[in-house]
PDB file of all heavy atoms in Angstrom:
ATOM      1  N   LEU A   1     217.990-119.042 176.957  1.00  0.00           N
ATOM      2  CA  LEU A   1     217.486-118.953 178.337  1.00  0.00           C
ATOM      3  C   LEU A   1     218.714-118.855 179.326  1.00  0.00           C
ATOM      4  O   LEU A   1     219.456-119.847 179.228  1.00  0.00           O
ATOM      5  CB  LEU A   1     216.452-120.084 178.661  1.00  0.00           C
ATOM      6  CG  LEU A   1     215.066-119.876 178.024  1.00  0.00           C
ATOM      7  CD1 LEU A   1     214.329-121.284 178.327  1.00  0.00           C
ATOM      8  CD2 LEU A   1     214.346-118.707 178.427  1.00  0.00           C
ATOM      9  N   GLN A   2     218.557-117.977 180.223  1.00  0.00           N
ATOM     10  CA  GLN A   2     219.473-118.108 181.351  1.00  0.00           C
ATOM     11  C   GLN A   2     218.589-118.254 182.633  1.00  0.00           C
ATOM     12  O   GLN A   2     217.442-118.052 182.609  1.00  0.00           O
ATOM     13  CB  GLN A   2     220.177-116.665 181.473  1.00  0.00           C
ATOM     14  CG  GLN A   2     221.168-116.450 180.309  1.00  0.00           C
ATOM     15  CD  GLN A   2     221.875-115.062 180.205  1.00  0.00           C
ATOM     16  OE1 GLN A   2     221.042-114.046 180.159  1.00  0.00           O
ATOM     17  NE2 GLN A   2     223.114-115.089 180.358  1.00  0.00           N
ATOM     18  N   LEU A   3     219.330-118.574 183.752  1.00  0.00           N
ATOM     19  CA  LEU A   3     218.607-118.922 184.971  1.00  0.00           C
ATOM     20  C   LEU A   3     217.663-117.748 185.388  1.00  0.00           C
ATOM     21  O   LEU A   3     216.589-118.055 185.834  1.00  0.00           O
ATOM     22  CB  LEU A   3     219.608-119.172 186.105  1.00  0.00           C
ATOM     23  CG  LEU A   3     218.990-119.723 187.411  1.00  0.00           C
ATOM     24  CD1 LEU A   3     218.232-121.020 187.160  1.00  0.00           C
ATOM     25  CD2 LEU A   3     220.160-119.960 188.395  1.00  0.00           C
ATOM     26  N   ARG A   4     217.974-116.533 185.068  1.00  0.00           N
ATOM     27  CA  ARG A   4     217.114-115.309 185.444  1.00  0.00           C
ATOM     28  C   ARG A   4     215.832-115.275 184.827  1.00  0.00           C
ATOM     29  O   ARG A   4     214.976-114.601 185.170  1.00  0.00           O
ATOM     30  CB  ARG A   4     217.972-114.096 185.266  1.00  0.00           C
ATOM     31  CG  ARG A   4     218.315-113.798 183.875  1.00  0.00           C
ATOM     32  CD  ARG A   4     219.317-112.522 183.722  1.00  0.00           C
ATOM     33  NE  ARG A   4     219.759-112.462 182.404  1.00  0.00           N
ATOM     34  CZ  ARG A   4     219.141-111.613 181.541  1.00  0.00           C
ATOM     35  NH1 ARG A   4     218.092-110.868 181.746  1.00  0.00           N
ATOM     36  NH2 ARG A   4     219.735-111.434 180.296  1.00  0.00           N
ATOM     37  N   HIS A   5     215.762-116.132 183.737  1.00  0.00           N
ATOM     38  CA  HIS A   5     214.558-116.022 182.860  1.00  0.00           C
ATOM     39  C   HIS A   5     213.518-116.980 183.362  1.00  0.00           C
ATOM     40  O   HIS A   5     212.469-117.123 182.915  1.00  0.00           O
ATOM     41  CB  HIS A   5     214.808-116.303 181.418  1.00  0.00           C
ATOM     42  CG  HIS A   5     215.756-115.303 180.772  1.00  0.00           C
ATOM     43  ND1 HIS A   5     216.956-115.693 180.138  1.00  0.00           N
ATOM     44  CD2 HIS A   5     215.662-113.941 180.805  1.00  0.00           C
ATOM     45  CE1 HIS A   5     217.478-114.536 179.650  1.00  0.00           C
ATOM     46  NE2 HIS A   5     216.812-113.532 180.049  1.00  0.00           N
ATOM     47  N   VAL A   6     213.949-117.908 184.338  1.00  0.00           N
ATOM     48  CA  VAL A   6     213.137-119.076 184.646  1.00  0.00           C
ATOM     49  C   VAL A   6     212.669-118.809 186.159  1.00  0.00           C
ATOM     50  O   VAL A   6     213.479-118.673 186.988  1.00  0.00           O
ATOM     51  CB  VAL A   6     213.850-120.448 184.505  1.00  0.00           C
ATOM     52  CG1 VAL A   6     213.064-121.595 185.061  1.00  0.00           C
ATOM     53  CG2 VAL A   6     214.337-120.617 183.126  1.00  0.00           C
ATOM     54  N   ASP A   7     211.289-118.807 186.248  1.00  0.00           N
ATOM     55  CA  ASP A   7     210.779-118.766 187.557  1.00  0.00           C
ATOM     56  C   ASP A   7     209.913-119.981 187.836  1.00  0.00           C
ATOM     57  O   ASP A   7     208.697-120.081 187.569  1.00  0.00           O
ATOM     58  CB  ASP A   7     209.871-117.498 187.647  1.00  0.00           C
ATOM     59  CG  ASP A   7     209.271-117.293 189.070  1.00  0.00           C
ATOM     60  OD1 ASP A   7     209.251-118.113 189.874  1.00  0.00           O
ATOM     61  OD2 ASP A   7     208.786-116.111 189.287  1.00  0.00           O
ATOM     62  N   LEU A   8     210.484-120.954 188.556  1.00  0.00           N
ATOM     63  CA  LEU A   8     209.853-122.284 188.739  1.00  0.00           C
ATOM     64  C   LEU A   8     208.781-122.103 189.876  1.00  0.00           C
ATOM     65  O   LEU A   8     207.853-122.848 189.875  1.00  0.00           O
ATOM     66  CB  LEU A   8     210.934-123.328 189.174  1.00  0.00           C
ATOM     67  CG  LEU A   8     211.857-123.736 187.982  1.00  0.00           C
ATOM     68  CD1 LEU A   8     212.808-124.773 188.479  1.00  0.00           C
ATOM     69  CD2 LEU A   8     211.142-124.198 186.635  1.00  0.00           C
ATOM     70  N   LEU A   9     209.048-121.240 190.714  1.00  0.00           N
ATOM     71  CA  LEU A   9     208.041-120.974 191.870  1.00  0.00           C
ATOM     72  C   LEU A   9     206.619-120.560 191.296  1.00  0.00           C
ATOM     73  O   LEU A   9     205.488-121.117 191.583  1.00  0.00           O
ATOM     74  CB  LEU A   9     208.492-119.985 192.896  1.00  0.00           C
ATOM     75  CG  LEU A   9     207.536-119.754 194.049  1.00  0.00           C
ATOM     76  CD1 LEU A   9     207.279-120.962 194.898  1.00  0.00           C
ATOM     77  CD2 LEU A   9     208.131-118.534 194.890  1.00  0.00           C
ATOM     78  N   HIS A  10     206.646-119.616 190.309  1.00  0.00           N
ATOM     79  CA  HIS A  10     205.581-119.144 189.666  1.00  0.00           C
ATOM     80  C   HIS A  10     205.190-119.868 188.222  1.00  0.00           C
ATOM     81  O   HIS A  10     204.360-119.518 187.474  1.00  0.00           O
ATOM     82  CB  HIS A  10     205.648-117.686 189.523  1.00  0.00           C
ATOM     83  CG  HIS A  10     205.613-116.845 190.611  1.00  0.00           C
ATOM     84  ND1 HIS A  10     206.921-116.473 191.263  1.00  0.00           N
ATOM     85  CD2 HIS A  10     204.675-116.633 191.623  1.00  0.00           C
ATOM     86  CE1 HIS A  10     206.541-115.828 192.439  1.00  0.00           C
ATOM     87  NE2 HIS A  10     205.344-115.992 192.585  1.00  0.00           N
ATOM     88  N   ALA A  11     206.147-120.925 187.973  1.00  0.00           N
ATOM     89  CA  ALA A  11     205.845-121.708 186.657  1.00  0.00           C
ATOM     90  C   ALA A  11     205.844-120.830 185.444  1.00  0.00           C
ATOM     91  O   ALA A  11     204.893-120.944 184.670  1.00  0.00           O
ATOM     92  CB  ALA A  11     204.669-122.536 186.844  1.00  0.00           C
ATOM     93  N   THR A  12     206.837-120.066 185.318  1.00  0.00           N
ATOM     94  CA  THR A  12     206.990-119.180 184.015  1.00  0.00           C
ATOM     95  C   THR A  12     208.237-119.118 183.431  1.00  0.00           C
ATOM     96  O   THR A  12     209.233-119.206 184.223  1.00  0.00           O
ATOM     97  CB  THR A  12     206.412-117.710 184.295  1.00  0.00           C
ATOM     98  OG1 THR A  12     207.234-117.187 185.320  1.00  0.00           O
ATOM     99  CG2 THR A  12     204.883-117.698 184.710  1.00  0.00           C
ATOM    100  N   VAL A  13     208.394-118.695 182.175  1.00  0.00           N
ATOM    101  CA  VAL A  13     209.810-118.412 181.511  1.00  0.00           C
ATOM    102  C   VAL A  13     209.492-117.118 180.829  1.00  0.00           C
ATOM    103  O   VAL A  13     208.607-116.901 180.179  1.00  0.00           O
ATOM    104  CB  VAL A  13     210.045-119.617 180.524  1.00  0.00           C
ATOM    105  CG1 VAL A  13     211.214-119.101 179.661  1.00  0.00           C
ATOM    106  CG2 VAL A  13     210.350-120.866 181.270  1.00  0.00           C
ATOM    107  N   SER A  14     210.414-116.202 181.121  1.00  0.00           N
ATOM    108  CA  SER A  14     210.487-114.953 180.380  1.00  0.00           C
ATOM    109  C   SER A  14     211.320-115.047 179.128  1.00  0.00           C
ATOM    110  O   SER A  14     212.468-115.357 179.144  1.00  0.00           O
ATOM    111  CB  SER A  14     210.975-113.758 181.273  1.00  0.00           C
ATOM    112  OG  SER A  14     210.056-113.674 182.409  1.00  0.00           O
ATOM    113  N   VAL A  15     210.780-114.683 177.848  1.00  0.00           N
ATOM    114  CA  VAL A  15     211.575-114.663 176.819  1.00  0.00           C
ATOM    115  C   VAL A  15     212.027-113.172 176.519  1.00  0.00           C
ATOM    116  O   VAL A  15     211.268-112.250 176.145  1.00  0.00           O
ATOM    117  CB  VAL A  15     210.724-115.054 175.477  1.00  0.00           C
ATOM    118  CG1 VAL A  15     211.579-115.023 174.252  1.00  0.00           C
ATOM    119  CG2 VAL A  15     210.264-116.458 175.792  1.00  0.00           C
ATOM    120  N   GLU A  16     213.329-112.970 176.733  1.00  0.00           N
ATOM    121  CA  GLU A  16     213.964-111.668 176.659  1.00  0.00           C
ATOM    122  C   GLU A  16     215.049-111.486 175.588  1.00  0.00           C
ATOM    123  O   GLU A  16     215.448-110.529 175.312  1.00  0.00           O
ATOM    124  CB  GLU A  16     214.452-111.252 178.056  1.00  0.00           C
ATOM    125  CG  GLU A  16     213.435-111.243 179.054  1.00  0.00           C
ATOM    126  CD  GLU A  16     213.953-110.950 180.438  1.00  0.00           C
ATOM    127  OE1 GLU A  16     215.118-110.551 180.536  1.00  0.00           O
ATOM    128  OE2 GLU A  16     213.232-111.034 181.453  1.00  0.00           O
ATOM    129  N   GLN A  17     215.463-112.751 175.167  1.00  0.00           N
ATOM    130  CA  GLN A  17     216.559-112.834 174.240  1.00  0.00           C
ATOM    131  C   GLN A  17     216.700-114.087 173.470  1.00  0.00           C
ATOM    132  O   GLN A  17     215.899-114.963 173.864  1.00  0.00           O
ATOM    133  CB  GLN A  17     217.890-112.623 175.121  1.00  0.00           C
ATOM    134  CG  GLN A  17     218.260-113.679 175.941  1.00  0.00           C
ATOM    135  CD  GLN A  17     219.440-113.343 176.781  1.00  0.00           C
ATOM    136  OE1 GLN A  17     219.886-112.149 176.981  1.00  0.00           O
ATOM    137  NE2 GLN A  17     220.105-114.322 177.301  1.00  0.00           N
ATOM    138  N   GLN A  18     217.543-114.254 172.569  1.00  0.00           N
ATOM    139  CA  GLN A  18     217.718-115.453 171.767  1.00  0.00           C
ATOM    140  C   GLN A  18     219.190-115.619 171.422  1.00  0.00           C
ATOM    141  O   GLN A  18     219.808-114.625 171.344  1.00  0.00           O
ATOM    142  CB  GLN A  18     216.854-115.631 170.587  1.00  0.00           C
ATOM    143  CG  GLN A  18     217.045-114.522 169.508  1.00  0.00           C
ATOM    144  CD  GLN A  18     216.168-114.780 168.277  1.00  0.00           C
ATOM    145  OE1 GLN A  18     215.729-115.864 167.909  1.00  0.00           O
ATOM    146  NE2 GLN A  18     215.827-113.681 167.647  1.00  0.00           N
ATOM    147  N   ILE A  19     219.563-116.813 171.204  1.00  0.00           N
ATOM    148  CA  ILE A  19     220.741-117.129 170.584  1.00  0.00           C
ATOM    149  C   ILE A  19     220.759-117.322 169.124  1.00  0.00           C
ATOM    150  O   ILE A  19     219.895-118.167 168.640  1.00  0.00           O
ATOM    151  CB  ILE A  19     221.459-118.352 171.289  1.00  0.00           C
ATOM    152  CG1 ILE A  19     221.691-118.223 172.694  1.00  0.00           C
ATOM    153  CG2 ILE A  19     222.866-118.784 170.585  1.00  0.00           C
ATOM    154  CD1 ILE A  19     222.809-117.270 173.057  1.00  0.00           C
ATOM    155  N   GLN A  20     221.541-116.631 168.267  1.00  0.00           N
ATOM    156  CA  GLN A  20     221.598-116.950 166.861  1.00  0.00           C
ATOM    157  C   GLN A  20     223.004-117.388 166.373  1.00  0.00           C
ATOM    158  O   GLN A  20     223.906-116.952 167.096  1.00  0.00           O
ATOM    159  CB  GLN A  20     221.119-115.715 166.084  1.00  0.00           C
ATOM    160  CG  GLN A  20     219.639-115.400 166.371  1.00  0.00           C
ATOM    161  CD  GLN A  20     218.713-116.518 165.730  1.00  0.00           C
ATOM    162  OE1 GLN A  20     218.919-116.919 164.478  1.00  0.00           O
ATOM    163  NE2 GLN A  20     217.799-116.932 166.397  1.00  0.00           N
ATOM    164  N   GLN A  21     223.148-117.924 165.256  1.00  0.00           N
ATOM    165  CA  GLN A  21     224.347-118.426 164.787  1.00  0.00           C
ATOM    166  C   GLN A  21     224.421-118.107 163.168  1.00  0.00           C
ATOM    167  O   GLN A  21     223.363-118.775 162.563  1.00  0.00           O
ATOM    168  CB  GLN A  21     224.563-119.826 165.114  1.00  0.00           C
ATOM    169  CG  GLN A  21     225.963-120.263 164.580  1.00  0.00           C
ATOM    170  CD  GLN A  21     226.131-121.849 164.962  1.00  0.00           C
ATOM    171  OE1 GLN A  21     225.039-122.580 165.076  1.00  0.00           O
ATOM    172  NE2 GLN A  21     227.300-122.210 165.010  1.00  0.00           N
ATOM    173  N   THR A  22     225.120-117.413 162.704  1.00  0.00           N
ATOM    174  CA  THR A  22     225.287-117.199 161.327  1.00  0.00           C
ATOM    175  C   THR A  22     226.665-117.306 160.872  1.00  0.00           C
ATOM    176  O   THR A  22     227.731-117.164 161.684  1.00  0.00           O
ATOM    177  CB  THR A  22     224.825-115.863 160.808  1.00  0.00           C
ATOM    178  OG1 THR A  22     225.619-114.815 161.366  1.00  0.00           O
ATOM    179  CG2 THR A  22     223.308-115.657 161.240  1.00  0.00           C
ATOM    180  N   ALA A  23     227.052-117.610 159.606  1.00  0.00           N
ATOM    181  CA  ALA A  23     228.377-117.764 159.212  1.00  0.00           C
ATOM    182  C   ALA A  23     229.090-116.328 159.278  1.00  0.00           C
ATOM    183  O   ALA A  23     230.307-116.277 159.547  1.00  0.00           O
ATOM    184  CB  ALA A  23     228.388-118.297 157.662  1.00  0.00           C
ATOM    185  N   LYS A  24     228.334-115.262 159.051  1.00  0.00           N
ATOM    186  CA  LYS A  24     228.929-113.930 159.051  1.00  0.00           C
ATOM    187  C   LYS A  24     229.299-113.531 160.422  1.00  0.00           C
ATOM    188  O   LYS A  24     230.339-112.907 160.748  1.00  0.00           O
ATOM    189  CB  LYS A  24     227.976-112.984 158.341  1.00  0.00           C
ATOM    190  CG  LYS A  24     228.560-111.631 158.213  1.00  0.00           C
ATOM    191  CD  LYS A  24     227.644-110.699 157.429  1.00  0.00           C
ATOM    192  CE  LYS A  24     228.267-109.310 157.298  1.00  0.00           C
ATOM    193  NZ  LYS A  24     227.344-108.406 156.640  1.00  0.00           N
ATOM    194  N   HIS A  25     228.382-113.748 161.360  1.00  0.00           N
ATOM    195  CA  HIS A  25     228.490-113.167 162.740  1.00  0.00           C
ATOM    196  C   HIS A  25     228.948-114.138 163.804  1.00  0.00           C
ATOM    197  O   HIS A  25     229.014-113.830 164.969  1.00  0.00           O
ATOM    198  CB  HIS A  25     227.191-112.458 163.192  1.00  0.00           C
ATOM    199  CG  HIS A  25     226.851-111.266 162.163  1.00  0.00           C
ATOM    200  ND1 HIS A  25     227.444-110.098 162.252  1.00  0.00           N
ATOM    201  CD2 HIS A  25     225.841-111.192 161.285  1.00  0.00           C
ATOM    202  CE1 HIS A  25     226.978-109.325 161.380  1.00  0.00           C
ATOM    203  NE2 HIS A  25     225.937-109.902 160.807  1.00  0.00           N
ATOM    204  N   GLY A  26     228.876-115.404 163.506  1.00  0.00           N
ATOM    205  CA  GLY A  26     229.215-116.508 164.527  1.00  0.00           C
ATOM    206  C   GLY A  26     227.928-116.590 165.447  1.00  0.00           C
ATOM    207  O   GLY A  26     226.846-116.389 165.060  1.00  0.00           O
ATOM    208  N   VAL A  27     228.199-116.895 166.704  1.00  0.00           N
ATOM    209  CA  VAL A  27     227.234-117.082 167.789  1.00  0.00           C
ATOM    210  C   VAL A  27     227.001-115.801 168.456  1.00  0.00           C
ATOM    211  O   VAL A  27     228.066-115.192 168.896  1.00  0.00           O
ATOM    212  CB  VAL A  27     227.590-118.292 168.635  1.00  0.00           C
ATOM    213  CG1 VAL A  27     226.577-118.336 169.779  1.00  0.00           C
ATOM    214  CG2 VAL A  27     227.763-119.522 167.955  1.00  0.00           C
ATOM    215  N   TYR A  28     225.786-115.423 168.594  1.00  0.00           N
ATOM    216  CA  TYR A  28     225.611-114.080 169.342  1.00  0.00           C
ATOM    217  C   TYR A  28     224.162-114.043 170.058  1.00  0.00           C
ATOM    218  O   TYR A  28     223.263-114.805 169.565  1.00  0.00           O
ATOM    219  CB  TYR A  28     225.794-112.890 168.348  1.00  0.00           C
ATOM    220  CG  TYR A  28     224.677-112.847 167.165  1.00  0.00           C
ATOM    221  CD1 TYR A  28     223.599-112.044 167.300  1.00  0.00           C
ATOM    222  CD2 TYR A  28     224.967-113.571 166.091  1.00  0.00           C
ATOM    223  CE1 TYR A  28     222.830-112.048 166.199  1.00  0.00           C
ATOM    224  CE2 TYR A  28     224.077-113.549 165.038  1.00  0.00           C
ATOM    225  CZ  TYR A  28     223.010-112.723 165.093  1.00  0.00           C
ATOM    226  OH  TYR A  28     222.135-112.752 164.051  1.00  0.00           O
ATOM    227  N   VAL A  29     224.112-113.297 170.999  1.00  0.00           N
ATOM    228  CA  VAL A  29     222.849-113.075 171.689  1.00  0.00           C
ATOM    229  C   VAL A  29     222.220-111.857 171.124  1.00  0.00           C
ATOM    230  O   VAL A  29     222.819-110.802 170.989  1.00  0.00           O
ATOM    231  CB  VAL A  29     223.058-112.802 173.252  1.00  0.00           C
ATOM    232  CG1 VAL A  29     221.767-112.535 173.947  1.00  0.00           C
ATOM    233  CG2 VAL A  29     223.789-114.049 173.778  1.00  0.00           C
ATOM    234  N   CYS A  30     220.874-111.904 170.853  1.00  0.00           N
ATOM    235  CA  CYS A  30     220.143-110.795 170.291  1.00  0.00           C
ATOM    236  C   CYS A  30     218.703-110.760 170.895  1.00  0.00           C
ATOM    237  O   CYS A  30     218.266-111.732 171.545  1.00  0.00           O
ATOM    238  CB  CYS A  30     220.127-110.821 168.773  1.00  0.00           C
ATOM    239  SG  CYS A  30     219.345-112.340 168.175  1.00  0.00           S
ATOM    240  N   PRO A  31     217.894-109.674 170.631  1.00  0.00           N
ATOM    241  CA  PRO A  31     216.533-109.616 171.105  1.00  0.00           C
ATOM    242  C   PRO A  31     215.707-110.635 170.294  1.00  0.00           C
ATOM    243  O   PRO A  31     216.148-111.176 169.209  1.00  0.00           O
ATOM    244  CB  PRO A  31     216.012-108.310 170.522  1.00  0.00           C
ATOM    245  CG  PRO A  31     217.304-107.490 170.393  1.00  0.00           C
ATOM    246  CD  PRO A  31     218.376-108.500 169.967  1.00  0.00           C
ATOM    247  N   PRO A  32     214.576-111.040 170.872  1.00  0.00           N
ATOM    248  CA  PRO A  32     213.663-111.984 170.222  1.00  0.00           C
ATOM    249  C   PRO A  32     213.296-111.555 168.825  1.00  0.00           C
ATOM    250  O   PRO A  32     213.478-110.399 168.570  1.00  0.00           O
ATOM    251  CB  PRO A  32     212.526-112.067 171.115  1.00  0.00           C
ATOM    252  CG  PRO A  32     212.972-111.629 172.465  1.00  0.00           C
ATOM    253  CD  PRO A  32     214.053-110.628 172.238  1.00  0.00           C
TER     254      PRO A  32
END
């Protein structure tokens, strides 16, 4: 989650990405 995904005025969170971590690829951002 990044700040752009959180709308506190409308009380919602948009799920647009995730953080994954693997031994092969390290830490990376990818789609849900």
